[in-house]
Amino acid sequence: MADFTALPDNTIEEERQNNTLINNSENGAETRRRKWTSKRRRWKLSFVNRKSAEMEVVRDFHDLKNGTFTAFTWNRPATVSEAASEITVRFESDVFSFTQDRYDNFSFDITLIEVL
């Protein structure tokens, strides 16, 4: 069972990153190699119009993991091309910020990075 179970809104942004190292030599030649053996994925999860209790659960979990320090598991929702899966991730930022636009109504985003 996943550690992080908060359900975001339907909008989830996903990025896939290939990290290529490029070394340039003095004669103009360059060598390229992959830094990682697989692609690193990143997800931005949006939470809009949430009650304080929901925001506090995510904020407290962020505090429990010391922001980016500790990895945890998360269930990535199914997409058209991929089944749902449990993935080991960490928070991208040590900062947790939110917006309160009226009494007991909060909006916030968090970004998760896959741990390889």
PDB file of N, CA and C in Angstrom:
ATOM      1  N   MET A   1       0.839  -1.180   0.000  1.00  0.00           N
ATOM      2  CA  MET A   1       0.000   0.000   0.000  1.00  0.00           C
ATOM      3  C   MET A   1       0.889   1.251   0.000  1.00  0.00           C
ATOM      4  N   ALA A   2       0.489   2.231  -0.764  1.00  0.00           N
ATOM      5  CA  ALA A   2       1.276   3.451  -0.915  1.00  0.00           C
ATOM      6  C   ALA A   2       1.275   4.274   0.369  1.00  0.00           C
ATOM      7  N   ASP A   3       2.381   4.982   0.596  1.00  0.00           N
ATOM      8  CA  ASP A   3       2.504   5.862   1.752  1.00  0.00           C
ATOM      9  C   ASP A   3       1.692   7.143   1.567  1.00  0.00           C
ATOM     10  N   PHE A   4       1.746   7.718   0.352  1.00  0.00           N
ATOM     11  CA  PHE A   4       1.074   8.982   0.057  1.00  0.00           C
ATOM     12  C   PHE A   4      -0.228   8.672  -0.677  1.00  0.00           C
ATOM     13  N   THR A   5      -1.359   8.980  -0.048  1.00  0.00           N
ATOM     14  CA  THR A   5      -2.653   8.578  -0.605  1.00  0.00           C
ATOM     15  C   THR A   5      -3.573   9.746  -0.933  1.00  0.00           C
ATOM     16  N   ALA A   6      -3.111  10.982  -0.775  1.00  0.00           N
ATOM     17  CA  ALA A   6      -3.966  12.143  -1.087  1.00  0.00           C
ATOM     18  C   ALA A   6      -4.326  12.131  -2.561  1.00  0.00           C
ATOM     19  N   LEU A   7      -5.589  12.369  -2.862  1.00  0.00           N
ATOM     20  CA  LEU A   7      -6.065  12.347  -4.243  1.00  0.00           C
ATOM     21  C   LEU A   7      -6.103  13.758  -4.814  1.00  0.00           C
ATOM     22  N   PRO A   8      -5.299  14.015  -5.849  1.00  0.00           N
ATOM     23  CA  PRO A   8      -5.307  15.342  -6.465  1.00  0.00           C
ATOM     24  C   PRO A   8      -6.516  15.510  -7.364  1.00  0.00           C
ATOM     25  N   ASP A   9      -6.644  16.716  -7.919  1.00  0.00           N
ATOM     26  CA  ASP A   9      -7.675  16.944  -8.919  1.00  0.00           C
ATOM     27  C   ASP A   9      -7.355  16.110 -10.160  1.00  0.00           C
ATOM     28  N   ASN A  10      -8.236  16.125 -11.122  1.00  0.00           N
ATOM     29  CA  ASN A  10      -8.054  15.310 -12.318  1.00  0.00           C
ATOM     30  C   ASN A  10      -6.847  15.723 -13.147  1.00  0.00           C
ATOM     31  N   THR A  11      -6.348  16.930 -12.962  1.00  0.00           N
ATOM     32  CA  THR A  11      -5.221  17.399 -13.746  1.00  0.00           C
ATOM     33  C   THR A  11      -3.917  16.993 -13.085  1.00  0.00           C
ATOM     34  N   ILE A  12      -3.169  16.138 -13.756  1.00  0.00           N
ATOM     35  CA  ILE A  12      -1.840  15.737 -13.309  1.00  0.00           C
ATOM     36  C   ILE A  12      -0.895  15.975 -14.477  1.00  0.00           C
ATOM     37  N   GLU A  13       0.116  16.792 -14.265  1.00  0.00           N
ATOM     38  CA  GLU A  13       1.112  17.041 -15.301  1.00  0.00           C
ATOM     39  C   GLU A  13       2.260  16.053 -15.106  1.00  0.00           C
ATOM     40  N   GLU A  14       2.669  15.396 -16.187  1.00  0.00           N
ATOM     41  CA  GLU A  14       3.789  14.458 -16.116  1.00  0.00           C
ATOM     42  C   GLU A  14       4.869  14.880 -17.094  1.00  0.00           C
ATOM     43  N   GLU A  15       6.114  14.828 -16.643  1.00  0.00           N
ATOM     44  CA  GLU A  15       7.272  15.098 -17.487  1.00  0.00           C
ATOM     45  C   GLU A  15       8.191  13.888 -17.437  1.00  0.00           C
ATOM     46  N   ARG A  16       8.848  13.615 -18.550  1.00  0.00           N
ATOM     47  CA  ARG A  16       9.872  12.576 -18.601  1.00  0.00           C
ATOM     48  C   ARG A  16      11.172  13.235 -19.008  1.00  0.00           C
ATOM     49  N   GLN A  17      12.218  12.966 -18.251  1.00  0.00           N
ATOM     50  CA  GLN A  17      13.485  13.644 -18.464  1.00  0.00           C
ATOM     51  C   GLN A  17      14.583  12.641 -18.772  1.00  0.00           C
ATOM     52  N   ASN A  18      15.258  12.842 -19.909  1.00  0.00           N
ATOM     53  CA  ASN A  18      16.490  12.124 -20.230  1.00  0.00           C
ATOM     54  C   ASN A  18      17.628  13.068 -19.880  1.00  0.00           C
ATOM     55  N   ASN A  19      18.565  12.615 -19.107  1.00  0.00           N
ATOM     56  CA  ASN A  19      19.676  13.481 -18.737  1.00  0.00           C
ATOM     57  C   ASN A  19      20.921  13.009 -19.476  1.00  0.00           C
ATOM     58  N   THR A  20      21.351  13.785 -20.456  1.00  0.00           N
ATOM     59  CA  THR A  20      22.498  13.453 -21.273  1.00  0.00           C
ATOM     60  C   THR A  20      23.683  14.322 -20.863  1.00  0.00           C
ATOM     61  N   LEU A  21      24.823  13.686 -20.626  1.00  0.00           N
ATOM     62  CA  LEU A  21      26.055  14.412 -20.332  1.00  0.00           C
ATOM     63  C   LEU A  21      26.798  14.628 -21.644  1.00  0.00           C
ATOM     64  N   ILE A  22      27.208  15.857 -21.907  1.00  0.00           N
ATOM     65  CA  ILE A  22      27.907  16.201 -23.138  1.00  0.00           C
ATOM     66  C   ILE A  22      29.280  16.742 -22.765  1.00  0.00           C
ATOM     67  N   ASN A  23      30.325  16.110 -23.279  1.00  0.00           N
ATOM     68  CA  ASN A  23      31.704  16.557 -23.048  1.00  0.00           C
ATOM     69  C   ASN A  23      32.273  17.064 -24.359  1.00  0.00           C
ATOM     70  N   ASN A  24      32.710  18.302 -24.373  1.00  0.00           N
ATOM     71  CA  ASN A  24      33.324  18.895 -25.555  1.00  0.00           C
ATOM     72  C   ASN A  24      34.835  18.872 -25.398  1.00  0.00           C
ATOM     73  N   SER A  25      35.518  18.425 -26.445  1.00  0.00           N
ATOM     74  CA  SER A  25      36.980  18.429 -26.412  1.00  0.00           C
ATOM     75  C   SER A  25      37.506  19.657 -27.148  1.00  0.00           C
ATOM     76  N   GLU A  26      38.810  19.894 -27.018  1.00  0.00           N
ATOM     77  CA  GLU A  26      39.408  21.086 -27.616  1.00  0.00           C
ATOM     78  C   GLU A  26      39.368  21.075 -29.139  1.00  0.00           C
ATOM     79  N   ASN A  27      39.354  19.883 -29.752  1.00  0.00           N
ATOM     80  CA  ASN A  27      39.343  19.812 -31.214  1.00  0.00           C
ATOM     81  C   ASN A  27      37.930  19.903 -31.800  1.00  0.00           C
ATOM     82  N   GLY A  28      36.930  20.151 -30.974  1.00  0.00           N
ATOM     83  CA  GLY A  28      35.565  20.317 -31.453  1.00  0.00           C
ATOM     84  C   GLY A  28      34.716  19.062 -31.381  1.00  0.00           C
ATOM     85  N   ALA A  29      35.335  17.924 -31.120  1.00  0.00           N
ATOM     86  CA  ALA A  29      34.569  16.678 -31.004  1.00  0.00           C
ATOM     87  C   ALA A  29      33.817  16.672 -29.672  1.00  0.00           C
ATOM     88  N   GLU A  30      32.749  15.964 -29.657  1.00  0.00           N
ATOM     89  CA  GLU A  30      32.005  15.846 -28.410  1.00  0.00           C
ATOM     90  C   GLU A  30      31.585  14.407 -28.193  1.00  0.00           C
ATOM     91  N   THR A  31      31.516  14.036 -26.953  1.00  0.00           N
ATOM     92  CA  THR A  31      31.019  12.715 -26.584  1.00  0.00           C
ATOM     93  C   THR A  31      29.759  12.897 -25.766  1.00  0.00           C
ATOM     94  N   ARG A  32      28.852  11.970 -25.939  1.00  0.00           N
ATOM     95  CA  ARG A  32      27.574  12.024 -25.224  1.00  0.00           C
ATOM     96  C   ARG A  32      27.326  10.680 -24.559  1.00  0.00           C
ATOM     97  N   ARG A  33      26.781  10.759 -23.369  1.00  0.00           N
ATOM     98  CA  ARG A  33      26.371   9.537 -22.670  1.00  0.00           C
ATOM     99  C   ARG A  33      25.207   9.864 -21.755  1.00  0.00           C
ATOM    100  N   ARG A  34      24.447   8.831 -21.447  1.00  0.00           N
ATOM    101  CA  ARG A  34      23.301   9.011 -20.560  1.00  0.00           C
ATOM    102  C   ARG A  34      23.772   9.010 -19.115  1.00  0.00           C
ATOM    103  N   LYS A  35      23.217   9.928 -18.342  1.00  0.00           N
ATOM    104  CA  LYS A  35      23.556   9.998 -16.931  1.00  0.00           C
ATOM    105  C   LYS A  35      22.811   8.916 -16.146  1.00  0.00           C
ATOM    106  N   TRP A  36      21.575   8.647 -16.554  1.00  0.00           N
ATOM    107  CA  TRP A  36      20.763   7.619 -15.902  1.00  0.00           C
ATOM    108  C   TRP A  36      20.482   6.515 -16.901  1.00  0.00           C
ATOM    109  N   THR A  37      20.219   5.312 -16.390  1.00  0.00           N
ATOM    110  CA  THR A  37      19.905   4.202 -17.281  1.00  0.00           C
ATOM    111  C   THR A  37      18.463   4.238 -17.754  1.00  0.00           C
ATOM    112  N   SER A  38      17.620   4.963 -17.057  1.00  0.00           N
ATOM    113  CA  SER A  38      16.220   5.076 -17.472  1.00  0.00           C
ATOM    114  C   SER A  38      15.774   6.531 -17.346  1.00  0.00           C
ATOM    115  N   LYS A  39      14.620   6.817 -17.918  1.00  0.00           N
ATOM    116  CA  LYS A  39      14.083   8.172 -17.853  1.00  0.00           C
ATOM    117  C   LYS A  39      13.619   8.480 -16.431  1.00  0.00           C
ATOM    118  N   ARG A  40      13.801   9.707 -16.021  1.00  0.00           N
ATOM    119  CA  ARG A  40      13.287  10.151 -14.721  1.00  0.00           C
ATOM    120  C   ARG A  40      11.972  10.872 -14.975  1.00  0.00           C
ATOM    121  N   ARG A  41      10.965  10.541 -14.184  1.00  0.00           N
ATOM    122  CA  ARG A  41       9.647  11.153 -14.361  1.00  0.00           C
ATOM    123  C   ARG A  41       9.347  12.099 -13.211  1.00  0.00           C
ATOM    124  N   ARG A  42       8.519  13.093 -13.516  1.00  0.00           N
ATOM    125  CA  ARG A  42       8.121  14.119 -12.545  1.00  0.00           C
ATOM    126  C   ARG A  42       6.633  14.368 -12.730  1.00  0.00           C
ATOM    127  N   TRP A  43       5.912  14.505 -11.603  1.00  0.00           N
ATOM    128  CA  TRP A  43       4.475  14.755 -11.651  1.00  0.00           C
ATOM    129  C   TRP A  43       4.131  15.979 -10.831  1.00  0.00           C
ATOM    130  N   LYS A  44       3.354  16.867 -11.402  1.00  0.00           N
ATOM    131  CA  LYS A  44       2.823  18.010 -10.665  1.00  0.00           C
ATOM    132  C   LYS A  44       1.371  17.692 -10.345  1.00  0.00           C
ATOM    133  N   LEU A  45       1.047  17.656  -9.062  1.00  0.00           N
ATOM    134  CA  LEU A  45      -0.303  17.347  -8.593  1.00  0.00           C
ATOM    135  C   LEU A  45      -0.951  18.622  -8.095  1.00  0.00           C
ATOM    136  N   SER A  46      -2.158  18.888  -8.566  1.00  0.00           N
ATOM    137  CA  SER A  46      -2.893  20.101  -8.171  1.00  0.00           C
ATOM    138  C   SER A  46      -4.040  19.745  -7.250  1.00  0.00           C
ATOM    139  N   PHE A  47      -4.172  20.526  -6.192  1.00  0.00           N
ATOM    140  CA  PHE A  47      -5.250  20.384  -5.230  1.00  0.00           C
ATOM    141  C   PHE A  47      -5.935  21.746  -5.148  1.00  0.00           C
ATOM    142  N   VAL A  48      -7.189  21.823  -5.580  1.00  0.00           N
ATOM    143  CA  VAL A  48      -7.899  23.101  -5.653  1.00  0.00           C
ATOM    144  C   VAL A  48      -9.183  23.001  -4.826  1.00  0.00           C
ATOM    145  N   ASN A  49      -9.501  24.094  -4.128  1.00  0.00           N
ATOM    146  CA  ASN A  49     -10.730  24.183  -3.327  1.00  0.00           C
ATOM    147  C   ASN A  49     -10.837  23.048  -2.312  1.00  0.00           C
ATOM    148  N   ARG A  50      -9.822  22.934  -1.476  1.00  0.00           N
ATOM    149  CA  ARG A  50      -9.780  21.883  -0.457  1.00  0.00           C
ATOM    150  C   ARG A  50     -10.004  22.486   0.922  1.00  0.00           C
ATOM    151  N   LYS A  51     -10.571  21.705   1.801  1.00  0.00           N
ATOM    152  CA  LYS A  51     -10.774  22.123   3.186  1.00  0.00           C
ATOM    153  C   LYS A  51      -9.442  22.078   3.932  1.00  0.00           C
ATOM    154  N   SER A  52      -9.378  22.763   5.060  1.00  0.00           N
ATOM    155  CA  SER A  52      -8.128  22.832   5.815  1.00  0.00           C
ATOM    156  C   SER A  52      -7.653  21.446   6.246  1.00  0.00           C
ATOM    157  N   ALA A  53      -8.567  20.551   6.574  1.00  0.00           N
ATOM    158  CA  ALA A  53      -8.172  19.208   7.004  1.00  0.00           C
ATOM    159  C   ALA A  53      -7.414  18.466   5.904  1.00  0.00           C
ATOM    160  N   GLU A  54      -7.865  18.599   4.655  1.00  0.00           N
ATOM    161  CA  GLU A  54      -7.176  17.953   3.531  1.00  0.00           C
ATOM    162  C   GLU A  54      -5.802  18.570   3.309  1.00  0.00           C
ATOM    163  N   MET A  55      -5.718  19.889   3.364  1.00  0.00           N
ATOM    164  CA  MET A  55      -4.437  20.567   3.186  1.00  0.00           C
ATOM    165  C   MET A  55      -3.472  20.170   4.290  1.00  0.00           C
ATOM    166  N   GLU A  56      -3.960  20.097   5.525  1.00  0.00           N
ATOM    167  CA  GLU A  56      -3.091  19.773   6.652  1.00  0.00           C
ATOM    168  C   GLU A  56      -2.550  18.347   6.571  1.00  0.00           C
ATOM    169  N   VAL A  57      -3.309  17.422   6.014  1.00  0.00           N
ATOM    170  CA  VAL A  57      -2.816  16.043   5.842  1.00  0.00           C
ATOM    171  C   VAL A  57      -1.607  16.033   4.913  1.00  0.00           C
ATOM    172  N   VAL A  58      -1.701  16.734   3.778  1.00  0.00           N
ATOM    173  CA  VAL A  58      -0.590  16.790   2.831  1.00  0.00           C
ATOM    174  C   VAL A  58       0.578  17.563   3.431  1.00  0.00           C
ATOM    175  N   ARG A  59       0.305  18.690   4.073  1.00  0.00           N
ATOM    176  CA  ARG A  59       1.363  19.495   4.694  1.00  0.00           C
ATOM    177  C   ARG A  59       2.094  18.691   5.769  1.00  0.00           C
ATOM    178  N   ASP A  60       1.344  17.981   6.606  1.00  0.00           N
ATOM    179  CA  ASP A  60       1.960  17.196   7.675  1.00  0.00           C
ATOM    180  C   ASP A  60       2.779  16.035   7.115  1.00  0.00           C
ATOM    181  N   PHE A  61       2.313  15.432   6.010  1.00  0.00           N
ATOM    182  CA  PHE A  61       3.081  14.365   5.369  1.00  0.00           C
ATOM    183  C   PHE A  61       4.388  14.929   4.805  1.00  0.00           C
ATOM    184  N   HIS A  62       4.310  16.122   4.210  1.00  0.00           N
ATOM    185  CA  HIS A  62       5.505  16.801   3.698  1.00  0.00           C
ATOM    186  C   HIS A  62       6.482  17.050   4.843  1.00  0.00           C
ATOM    187  N   ASP A  63       5.983  17.495   5.976  1.00  0.00           N
ATOM    188  CA  ASP A  63       6.832  17.715   7.156  1.00  0.00           C
ATOM    189  C   ASP A  63       7.417  16.403   7.672  1.00  0.00           C
ATOM    190  N   LEU A  64       6.616  15.351   7.680  1.00  0.00           N
ATOM    191  CA  LEU A  64       7.067  14.038   8.154  1.00  0.00           C
ATOM    192  C   LEU A  64       8.235  13.518   7.317  1.00  0.00           C
ATOM    193  N   LYS A  65       8.199  13.762   6.017  1.00  0.00           N
ATOM    194  CA  LYS A  65       9.258  13.309   5.104  1.00  0.00           C
ATOM    195  C   LYS A  65      10.402  14.319   5.014  1.00  0.00           C
ATOM    196  N   ASN A  66      10.328  15.389   5.797  1.00  0.00           N
ATOM    197  CA  ASN A  66      11.350  16.440   5.788  1.00  0.00           C
ATOM    198  C   ASN A  66      11.562  16.989   4.378  1.00  0.00           C
ATOM    199  N   GLY A  67      10.462  17.252   3.707  1.00  0.00           N
ATOM    200  CA  GLY A  67      10.524  17.796   2.352  1.00  0.00           C
ATOM    201  C   GLY A  67      11.150  16.807   1.394  1.00  0.00           C
ATOM    202  N   THR A  68      12.278  17.163   0.813  1.00  0.00           N
ATOM    203  CA  THR A  68      12.922  16.329  -0.202  1.00  0.00           C
ATOM    204  C   THR A  68      13.791  15.219   0.379  1.00  0.00           C
ATOM    205  N   PHE A  69      13.910  15.138   1.682  1.00  0.00           N
ATOM    206  CA  PHE A  69      14.879  14.240   2.304  1.00  0.00           C
ATOM    207  C   PHE A  69      14.541  12.756   2.169  1.00  0.00           C
ATOM    208  N   THR A  70      13.291  12.381   2.431  1.00  0.00           N
ATOM    209  CA  THR A  70      12.921  10.971   2.509  1.00  0.00           C
ATOM    210  C   THR A  70      11.990  10.578   1.368  1.00  0.00           C
ATOM    211  N   ALA A  71      12.290   9.447   0.738  1.00  0.00           N
ATOM    212  CA  ALA A  71      11.446   8.918  -0.338  1.00  0.00           C
ATOM    213  C   ALA A  71      10.241   8.188   0.252  1.00  0.00           C
ATOM    214  N   PHE A  72       9.209   8.011  -0.564  1.00  0.00           N
ATOM    215  CA  PHE A  72       7.992   7.322  -0.157  1.00  0.00           C
ATOM    216  C   PHE A  72       7.326   6.741  -1.401  1.00  0.00           C
ATOM    217  N   THR A  73       6.285   5.952  -1.202  1.00  0.00           N
ATOM    218  CA  THR A  73       5.586   5.368  -2.343  1.00  0.00           C
ATOM    219  C   THR A  73       4.298   6.133  -2.624  1.00  0.00           C
ATOM    220  N   TRP A  74       3.914   6.124  -3.906  1.00  0.00           N
ATOM    221  CA  TRP A  74       2.719   6.835  -4.384  1.00  0.00           C
ATOM    222  C   TRP A  74       2.103   6.016  -5.498  1.00  0.00           C
ATOM    223  N   ASN A  75       0.791   5.967  -5.546  1.00  0.00           N
ATOM    224  CA  ASN A  75       0.093   5.276  -6.626  1.00  0.00           C
ATOM    225  C   ASN A  75      -0.167   6.245  -7.770  1.00  0.00           C
ATOM    226  N   ARG A  76       0.577   6.058  -8.869  1.00  0.00           N
ATOM    227  CA  ARG A  76       0.347   6.883 -10.058  1.00  0.00           C
ATOM    228  C   ARG A  76      -0.931   6.388 -10.710  1.00  0.00           C
ATOM    229  N   PRO A  77      -1.869   7.299 -10.994  1.00  0.00           N
ATOM    230  CA  PRO A  77      -3.128   6.878 -11.613  1.00  0.00           C
ATOM    231  C   PRO A  77      -2.905   6.298 -13.009  1.00  0.00           C
ATOM    232  N   ALA A  78      -3.847   5.519 -13.447  1.00  0.00           N
ATOM    233  CA  ALA A  78      -3.785   4.941 -14.793  1.00  0.00           C
ATOM    234  C   ALA A  78      -3.942   6.024 -15.839  1.00  0.00           C
ATOM    235  N   THR A  79      -3.282   5.823 -16.980  1.00  0.00           N
ATOM    236  CA  THR A  79      -3.438   6.703 -18.127  1.00  0.00           C
ATOM    237  C   THR A  79      -3.941   5.859 -19.291  1.00  0.00           C
ATOM    238  N   VAL A  80      -4.106   6.476 -20.422  1.00  0.00           N
ATOM    239  CA  VAL A  80      -4.575   5.740 -21.598  1.00  0.00           C
ATOM    240  C   VAL A  80      -3.588   4.640 -21.971  1.00  0.00           C
ATOM    241  N   SER A  81      -2.288   4.915 -21.848  1.00  0.00           N
ATOM    242  CA  SER A  81      -1.277   3.963 -22.305  1.00  0.00           C
ATOM    243  C   SER A  81      -0.619   3.140 -21.200  1.00  0.00           C
ATOM    244  N   GLU A  82      -0.837   3.507 -19.932  1.00  0.00           N
ATOM    245  CA  GLU A  82      -0.185   2.802 -18.828  1.00  0.00           C
ATOM    246  C   GLU A  82      -1.173   2.494 -17.716  1.00  0.00           C
ATOM    247  N   ALA A  83      -1.001   1.332 -17.104  1.00  0.00           N
ATOM    248  CA  ALA A  83      -1.832   0.958 -15.959  1.00  0.00           C
ATOM    249  C   ALA A  83      -1.349   1.715 -14.724  1.00  0.00           C
ATOM    250  N   ALA A  84      -2.202   1.807 -13.741  1.00  0.00           N
ATOM    251  CA  ALA A  84      -1.808   2.430 -12.476  1.00  0.00           C
ATOM    252  C   ALA A  84      -0.670   1.618 -11.867  1.00  0.00           C
ATOM    253  N   SER A  85       0.232   2.294 -11.173  1.00  0.00           N
ATOM    254  CA  SER A  85       1.357   1.588 -10.570  1.00  0.00           C
ATOM    255  C   SER A  85       1.835   2.322  -9.329  1.00  0.00           C
ATOM    256  N   GLU A  86       2.459   1.565  -8.440  1.00  0.00           N
ATOM    257  CA  GLU A  86       3.040   2.142  -7.232  1.00  0.00           C
ATOM    258  C   GLU A  86       4.485   2.503  -7.536  1.00  0.00           C
ATOM    259  N   ILE A  87       4.849   3.755  -7.275  1.00  0.00           N
ATOM    260  CA  ILE A  87       6.159   4.276  -7.646  1.00  0.00           C
ATOM    261  C   ILE A  87       6.816   4.896  -6.415  1.00  0.00           C
ATOM    262  N   THR A  88       8.122   4.737  -6.302  1.00  0.00           N
ATOM    263  CA  THR A  88       8.875   5.388  -5.239  1.00  0.00           C
ATOM    264  C   THR A  88       9.247   6.785  -5.707  1.00  0.00           C
ATOM    265  N   VAL A  89       8.881   7.786  -4.917  1.00  0.00           N
ATOM    266  CA  VAL A  89       9.074   9.191  -5.275  1.00  0.00           C
ATOM    267  C   VAL A  89       9.576   9.961  -4.060  1.00  0.00           C
ATOM    268  N   ARG A  90       9.892  11.225  -4.300  1.00  0.00           N
ATOM    269  CA  ARG A  90      10.182  12.170  -3.225  1.00  0.00           C
ATOM    270  C   ARG A  90       9.612  13.516  -3.647  1.00  0.00           C
ATOM    271  N   PHE A  91       9.457  14.423  -2.692  1.00  0.00           N
ATOM    272  CA  PHE A  91       9.008  15.773  -3.018  1.00  0.00           C
ATOM    273  C   PHE A  91      10.126  16.502  -3.750  1.00  0.00           C
ATOM    274  N   GLU A  92       9.760  17.356  -4.701  1.00  0.00           N
ATOM    275  CA  GLU A  92      10.762  18.127  -5.433  1.00  0.00           C
ATOM    276  C   GLU A  92      11.294  19.289  -4.602  1.00  0.00           C
ATOM    277  N   SER A  93      10.477  19.817  -3.709  1.00  0.00           N
ATOM    278  CA  SER A  93      10.851  21.019  -2.968  1.00  0.00           C
ATOM    279  C   SER A  93      10.747  20.795  -1.463  1.00  0.00           C
ATOM    280  N   ASP A  94      11.618  21.478  -0.734  1.00  0.00           N
ATOM    281  CA  ASP A  94      11.532  21.481   0.729  1.00  0.00           C
ATOM    282  C   ASP A  94      10.452  22.437   1.221  1.00  0.00           C
ATOM    283  N   VAL A  95       9.929  23.257   0.324  1.00  0.00           N
ATOM    284  CA  VAL A  95       8.939  24.278   0.681  1.00  0.00           C
ATOM    285  C   VAL A  95       7.538  23.763   0.352  1.00  0.00           C
ATOM    286  N   PHE A  96       6.624  23.891   1.300  1.00  0.00           N
ATOM    287  CA  PHE A  96       5.211  23.595   1.057  1.00  0.00           C
ATOM    288  C   PHE A  96       4.458  24.915   1.148  1.00  0.00           C
ATOM    289  N   SER A  97       3.829  25.326   0.067  1.00  0.00           N
ATOM    290  CA  SER A  97       3.079  26.586   0.090  1.00  0.00           C
ATOM    291  C   SER A  97       1.652  26.343  -0.370  1.00  0.00           C
ATOM    292  N   PHE A  98       0.753  27.174   0.107  1.00  0.00           N
ATOM    293  CA  PHE A  98      -0.659  27.053  -0.243  1.00  0.00           C
ATOM    294  C   PHE A  98      -1.265  28.433  -0.359  1.00  0.00           C
ATOM    295  N   THR A  99      -2.449  28.484  -0.954  1.00  0.00           N
ATOM    296  CA  THR A  99      -3.215  29.719  -1.073  1.00  0.00           C
ATOM    297  C   THR A  99      -4.549  29.516  -0.388  1.00  0.00           C
ATOM    298  N   GLN A 100      -4.922  30.472   0.460  1.00  0.00           N
ATOM    299  CA  GLN A 100      -6.240  30.445   1.090  1.00  0.00           C
ATOM    300  C   GLN A 100      -7.023  31.612   0.502  1.00  0.00           C
ATOM    301  N   ASP A 101      -8.053  31.311  -0.302  1.00  0.00           N
ATOM    302  CA  ASP A 101      -8.782  32.392  -0.962  1.00  0.00           C
ATOM    303  C   ASP A 101     -10.060  32.789  -0.244  1.00  0.00           C
ATOM    304  N   ARG A 102     -10.507  31.977   0.680  1.00  0.00           N
ATOM    305  CA  ARG A 102     -11.605  32.348   1.570  1.00  0.00           C
ATOM    306  C   ARG A 102     -11.561  31.380   2.752  1.00  0.00           C
ATOM    307  N   TYR A 103     -12.439  31.596   3.703  1.00  0.00           N
ATOM    308  CA  TYR A 103     -12.398  30.787   4.921  1.00  0.00           C
ATOM    309  C   TYR A 103     -12.479  29.295   4.586  1.00  0.00           C
ATOM    310  N   ASP A 104     -11.536  28.522   5.092  1.00  0.00           N
ATOM    311  CA  ASP A 104     -11.481  27.070   4.955  1.00  0.00           C
ATOM    312  C   ASP A 104     -11.524  26.604   3.495  1.00  0.00           C
ATOM    313  N   ASN A 105     -10.838  27.321   2.611  1.00  0.00           N
ATOM    314  CA  ASN A 105     -10.747  26.932   1.203  1.00  0.00           C
ATOM    315  C   ASN A 105      -9.301  27.157   0.745  1.00  0.00           C
ATOM    316  N   PHE A 106      -8.611  26.061   0.474  1.00  0.00           N
ATOM    317  CA  PHE A 106      -7.187  26.108   0.180  1.00  0.00           C
ATOM    318  C   PHE A 106      -6.890  25.501  -1.187  1.00  0.00           C
ATOM    319  N   SER A 107      -5.861  26.011  -1.823  1.00  0.00           N
ATOM    320  CA  SER A 107      -5.358  25.459  -3.079  1.00  0.00           C
ATOM    321  C   SER A 107      -3.843  25.355  -2.966  1.00  0.00           C
ATOM    322  N   PHE A 108      -3.287  24.266  -3.506  1.00  0.00           N
ATOM    323  CA  PHE A 108      -1.842  24.074  -3.466  1.00  0.00           C
ATOM    324  C   PHE A 108      -1.440  23.059  -4.521  1.00  0.00           C
ATOM    325  N   ASP A 109      -0.177  23.107  -4.896  1.00  0.00           N
ATOM    326  CA  ASP A 109       0.411  22.160  -5.838  1.00  0.00           C
ATOM    327  C   ASP A 109       1.613  21.523  -5.169  1.00  0.00           C
ATOM    328  N   ILE A 110       1.860  20.263  -5.506  1.00  0.00           N
ATOM    329  CA  ILE A 110       3.089  19.617  -5.090  1.00  0.00           C
ATOM    330  C   ILE A 110       3.673  18.912  -6.314  1.00  0.00           C
ATOM    331  N   THR A 111       4.973  18.770  -6.332  1.00  0.00           N
ATOM    332  CA  THR A 111       5.634  18.071  -7.426  1.00  0.00           C
ATOM    333  C   THR A 111       6.396  16.892  -6.844  1.00  0.00           C
ATOM    334  N   LEU A 112       6.192  15.727  -7.447  1.00  0.00           N
ATOM    335  CA  LEU A 112       6.864  14.501  -7.037  1.00  0.00           C
ATOM    336  C   LEU A 112       7.864  14.108  -8.110  1.00  0.00           C
ATOM    337  N   ILE A 113       9.032  13.617  -7.691  1.00  0.00           N
ATOM    338  CA  ILE A 113      10.084  13.160  -8.606  1.00  0.00           C
ATOM    339  C   ILE A 113      10.340  11.690  -8.343  1.00  0.00           C
ATOM    340  N   GLU A 114      10.397  10.931  -9.408  1.00  0.00           N
ATOM    341  CA  GLU A 114      10.666   9.501  -9.285  1.00  0.00           C
ATOM    342  C   GLU A 114      12.082   9.270  -8.752  1.00  0.00           C
ATOM    343  N   VAL A 115      12.209   8.336  -7.816  1.00  0.00           N
ATOM    344  CA  VAL A 115      13.495   7.957  -7.266  1.00  0.00           C
ATOM    345  C   VAL A 115      13.955   6.734  -8.042  1.00  0.00           C
ATOM    346  N   LEU A 116      15.117   6.861  -8.656  1.00  0.00           N
ATOM    347  CA  LEU A 116      15.646   5.750  -9.477  1.00  0.00           C
ATOM    348  C   LEU A 116      16.541   4.854  -8.666  1.00  0.00           C
TER     349      LEU A 116
END
